[in-house]
Amino acid sequence: MAKRIKSRPQERGFIMFDIVYTDGSRASNRRVPVEILGGLDGDEPARQLIAEQEEEIARKSGRPSREIQSLTRSPIVKPKPVV
């Protein structure tokens, strides 16, 4: 059977972000499309998109939405060499 190799998110057109909330909790690897990033705004469009996602998640779960304290790009994981 052939081994399935997953493509990295960057190759599929997404940038991953790590989020720290004001209550100290953390969320990792939130996907944001590459198309909305860049330009003069930098990563600010990602903050807006993730805030919208948070509101939708909170609405569906019945919990209050959490306020984002900081937003950083996740480090790119390099694949391990096959020996």
N, C-alpha and C. Protein backbone atom coordinates (compact mmCIF):
# COMPACT_ATOMS: atom_id res chain seq x y z
N MET A 1 0.84 -1.16 0.00
CA MET A 1 0.00 0.00 0.00
C MET A 1 0.89 1.23 0.00
N ALA A 2 0.53 2.22 -0.77
CA ALA A 2 1.31 3.45 -0.88
C ALA A 2 1.13 4.29 0.38
N LYS A 3 2.18 4.98 0.76
CA LYS A 3 2.13 5.83 1.93
C LYS A 3 1.58 7.20 1.53
N ARG A 4 0.59 7.66 2.27
CA ARG A 4 -0.01 8.96 1.97
C ARG A 4 0.84 10.05 2.61
N ILE A 5 1.19 11.04 1.81
CA ILE A 5 1.98 12.15 2.31
C ILE A 5 1.09 13.39 2.29
N LYS A 6 0.90 13.99 3.47
CA LYS A 6 0.07 15.18 3.57
C LYS A 6 0.87 16.40 3.13
N SER A 7 0.21 17.29 2.42
CA SER A 7 0.88 18.53 2.05
C SER A 7 0.82 19.50 3.23
N ARG A 8 1.81 20.35 3.33
CA ARG A 8 1.86 21.32 4.42
C ARG A 8 0.83 22.41 4.17
N PRO A 9 0.33 23.04 5.25
CA PRO A 9 -0.68 24.09 5.08
C PRO A 9 -0.22 25.23 4.18
N GLN A 10 1.07 25.60 4.23
CA GLN A 10 1.56 26.69 3.41
C GLN A 10 1.44 26.35 1.93
N GLU A 11 1.58 25.08 1.59
CA GLU A 11 1.47 24.66 0.20
C GLU A 11 0.02 24.68 -0.28
N ARG A 12 -0.91 24.61 0.67
CA ARG A 12 -2.33 24.62 0.32
C ARG A 12 -2.92 26.02 0.37
N GLY A 13 -2.12 27.02 0.75
CA GLY A 13 -2.60 28.39 0.76
C GLY A 13 -3.08 28.90 2.10
N PHE A 14 -2.59 28.33 3.20
CA PHE A 14 -2.97 28.77 4.54
C PHE A 14 -1.73 29.11 5.36
N ILE A 15 -1.90 30.06 6.28
CA ILE A 15 -0.88 30.37 7.26
C ILE A 15 -1.47 30.00 8.62
N MET A 16 -0.68 29.37 9.46
CA MET A 16 -1.14 28.95 10.77
C MET A 16 -0.77 29.99 11.82
N PHE A 17 -1.69 30.22 12.77
CA PHE A 17 -1.48 31.20 13.83
C PHE A 17 -1.70 30.56 15.19
N ASP A 18 -0.92 31.03 16.18
CA ASP A 18 -1.11 30.68 17.58
C ASP A 18 -1.76 31.88 18.26
N ILE A 19 -2.73 31.62 19.13
CA ILE A 19 -3.48 32.69 19.78
C ILE A 19 -3.33 32.55 21.28
N VAL A 20 -3.12 33.68 21.96
CA VAL A 20 -3.14 33.74 23.41
C VAL A 20 -4.30 34.65 23.78
N TYR A 21 -5.18 34.16 24.65
CA TYR A 21 -6.35 34.92 25.07
C TYR A 21 -6.04 35.68 26.36
N THR A 22 -6.88 36.67 26.69
CA THR A 22 -6.65 37.49 27.88
C THR A 22 -6.75 36.68 29.16
N ASP A 23 -7.47 35.56 29.15
CA ASP A 23 -7.56 34.73 30.35
C ASP A 23 -6.37 33.79 30.51
N GLY A 24 -5.39 33.87 29.59
CA GLY A 24 -4.18 33.05 29.69
C GLY A 24 -4.24 31.75 28.91
N SER A 25 -5.41 31.38 28.40
CA SER A 25 -5.52 30.15 27.62
C SER A 25 -4.92 30.38 26.24
N ARG A 26 -4.72 29.27 25.54
CA ARG A 26 -4.01 29.32 24.26
C ARG A 26 -4.68 28.42 23.24
N ALA A 27 -4.63 28.81 21.98
CA ALA A 27 -5.10 27.97 20.87
C ALA A 27 -4.02 27.97 19.82
N SER A 28 -3.78 26.84 19.23
CA SER A 28 -2.72 26.72 18.23
C SER A 28 -3.27 26.33 16.88
N ASN A 29 -2.49 26.68 15.86
CA ASN A 29 -2.73 26.24 14.49
C ASN A 29 -4.11 26.62 13.95
N ARG A 30 -4.47 27.88 14.11
CA ARG A 30 -5.69 28.39 13.49
C ARG A 30 -5.35 28.81 12.07
N ARG A 31 -6.08 28.31 11.10
CA ARG A 31 -5.78 28.53 9.68
C ARG A 31 -6.37 29.86 9.19
N VAL A 32 -5.55 30.57 8.42
CA VAL A 32 -5.97 31.81 7.79
C VAL A 32 -5.50 31.76 6.35
N PRO A 33 -6.38 32.05 5.37
CA PRO A 33 -5.97 32.03 3.96
C PRO A 33 -4.88 33.06 3.68
N VAL A 34 -3.94 32.69 2.84
CA VAL A 34 -2.82 33.56 2.48
C VAL A 34 -3.32 34.81 1.77
N GLU A 35 -4.41 34.71 1.02
CA GLU A 35 -4.90 35.81 0.20
C GLU A 35 -5.22 37.06 1.02
N ILE A 36 -5.67 36.90 2.27
CA ILE A 36 -6.06 38.07 3.05
C ILE A 36 -4.89 38.72 3.78
N LEU A 37 -3.74 38.06 3.79
CA LEU A 37 -2.57 38.59 4.51
C LEU A 37 -1.68 39.40 3.59
N GLY A 38 -0.77 40.12 4.19
CA GLY A 38 0.19 40.90 3.42
C GLY A 38 -0.29 42.33 3.24
N GLY A 39 0.40 43.06 2.41
CA GLY A 39 0.05 44.45 2.19
C GLY A 39 0.45 45.31 3.38
N LEU A 40 -0.13 46.47 3.47
CA LEU A 40 0.21 47.41 4.53
C LEU A 40 -0.34 47.01 5.90
N ASP A 41 -1.41 46.22 5.91
CA ASP A 41 -2.03 45.82 7.17
C ASP A 41 -1.30 44.69 7.88
N GLY A 42 -0.44 43.98 7.19
CA GLY A 42 0.30 42.87 7.81
C GLY A 42 -0.63 41.75 8.23
N ASP A 43 -0.59 41.38 9.51
CA ASP A 43 -1.40 40.28 10.02
C ASP A 43 -2.72 40.74 10.65
N GLU A 44 -3.04 42.02 10.57
CA GLU A 44 -4.28 42.53 11.15
C GLU A 44 -5.53 41.88 10.54
N PRO A 45 -5.60 41.63 9.22
CA PRO A 45 -6.77 40.92 8.69
C PRO A 45 -6.94 39.53 9.30
N ALA A 46 -5.83 38.88 9.68
CA ALA A 46 -5.92 37.57 10.32
C ALA A 46 -6.59 37.69 11.68
N ARG A 47 -6.26 38.74 12.42
CA ARG A 47 -6.88 38.97 13.73
C ARG A 47 -8.39 39.13 13.58
N GLN A 48 -8.82 39.88 12.57
CA GLN A 48 -10.24 40.09 12.34
C GLN A 48 -10.94 38.79 11.96
N LEU A 49 -10.32 38.00 11.09
CA LEU A 49 -10.91 36.73 10.67
C LEU A 49 -11.00 35.76 11.85
N ILE A 50 -9.96 35.68 12.64
CA ILE A 50 -9.96 34.76 13.78
C ILE A 50 -10.97 35.22 14.83
N ALA A 51 -11.13 36.53 15.02
CA ALA A 51 -12.15 37.04 15.94
C ALA A 51 -13.55 36.64 15.46
N GLU A 52 -13.78 36.71 14.17
CA GLU A 52 -15.07 36.27 13.62
C GLU A 52 -15.28 34.78 13.84
N GLN A 53 -14.21 33.99 13.64
CA GLN A 53 -14.30 32.55 13.88
C GLN A 53 -14.61 32.28 15.35
N GLU A 54 -13.98 33.03 16.24
CA GLU A 54 -14.21 32.87 17.68
C GLU A 54 -15.67 33.15 18.04
N GLU A 55 -16.23 34.21 17.45
CA GLU A 55 -17.62 34.54 17.72
C GLU A 55 -18.56 33.43 17.26
N GLU A 56 -18.27 32.86 16.09
CA GLU A 56 -19.10 31.77 15.57
C GLU A 56 -18.97 30.52 16.46
N ILE A 57 -17.76 30.21 16.87
CA ILE A 57 -17.54 29.06 17.75
C ILE A 57 -18.27 29.26 19.07
N ALA A 58 -18.18 30.47 19.64
CA ALA A 58 -18.83 30.77 20.91
C ALA A 58 -20.35 30.66 20.77
N ARG A 59 -20.87 31.16 19.65
CA ARG A 59 -22.32 31.09 19.43
C ARG A 59 -22.80 29.65 19.35
N LYS A 60 -22.05 28.81 18.62
CA LYS A 60 -22.45 27.42 18.46
C LYS A 60 -22.30 26.62 19.75
N SER A 61 -21.30 26.96 20.56
CA SER A 61 -21.07 26.20 21.79
C SER A 61 -21.87 26.73 22.97
N GLY A 62 -22.42 27.95 22.84
CA GLY A 62 -23.20 28.52 23.93
C GLY A 62 -22.33 29.15 25.00
N ARG A 63 -21.06 29.35 24.73
CA ARG A 63 -20.15 29.98 25.69
C ARG A 63 -19.86 31.41 25.24
N PRO A 64 -19.44 32.26 26.18
CA PRO A 64 -19.05 33.62 25.75
C PRO A 64 -17.74 33.57 24.97
N SER A 65 -17.59 34.47 24.00
CA SER A 65 -16.36 34.49 23.21
C SER A 65 -15.22 35.05 24.05
N ARG A 66 -14.01 34.59 23.76
CA ARG A 66 -12.83 35.03 24.50
C ARG A 66 -12.15 36.15 23.74
N GLU A 67 -11.55 37.07 24.47
CA GLU A 67 -10.86 38.20 23.86
C GLU A 67 -9.42 37.79 23.55
N ILE A 68 -8.95 38.13 22.35
CA ILE A 68 -7.61 37.78 21.91
C ILE A 68 -6.61 38.79 22.48
N GLN A 69 -5.58 38.27 23.16
CA GLN A 69 -4.53 39.13 23.69
C GLN A 69 -3.42 39.31 22.66
N SER A 70 -2.92 38.18 22.13
CA SER A 70 -1.86 38.27 21.12
C SER A 70 -2.05 37.19 20.06
N LEU A 71 -1.47 37.48 18.91
CA LEU A 71 -1.60 36.61 17.75
C LEU A 71 -0.23 36.53 17.09
N THR A 72 0.31 35.31 16.96
CA THR A 72 1.62 35.13 16.33
C THR A 72 1.53 33.99 15.33
N ARG A 73 2.37 34.07 14.32
CA ARG A 73 2.42 32.98 13.34
C ARG A 73 3.06 31.75 13.96
N SER A 74 2.47 30.60 13.67
CA SER A 74 3.03 29.35 14.16
C SER A 74 4.34 29.06 13.44
N PRO A 75 5.31 28.47 14.13
CA PRO A 75 6.55 28.12 13.44
C PRO A 75 6.28 27.05 12.38
N ILE A 76 7.01 27.14 11.29
CA ILE A 76 6.86 26.16 10.22
C ILE A 76 7.63 24.91 10.59
N VAL A 77 6.92 23.80 10.62
CA VAL A 77 7.54 22.52 10.98
C VAL A 77 8.18 21.92 9.74
N LYS A 78 9.45 21.64 9.84
CA LYS A 78 10.16 21.04 8.72
C LYS A 78 10.04 19.53 8.83
N PRO A 79 9.77 18.85 7.72
CA PRO A 79 9.62 17.39 7.78
C PRO A 79 10.94 16.72 8.14
N LYS A 80 10.82 15.61 8.87
CA LYS A 80 12.01 14.84 9.24
C LYS A 80 12.50 14.06 8.04
N PRO A 81 13.81 13.99 7.87
CA PRO A 81 14.35 13.22 6.73
C PRO A 81 14.07 11.72 6.90
N VAL A 82 13.73 11.09 5.81
CA VAL A 82 13.46 9.66 5.82
C VAL A 82 14.79 8.93 5.66
N VAL A 83 15.06 8.03 6.57
CA VAL A 83 16.32 7.29 6.51
C VAL A 83 16.11 5.92 5.97
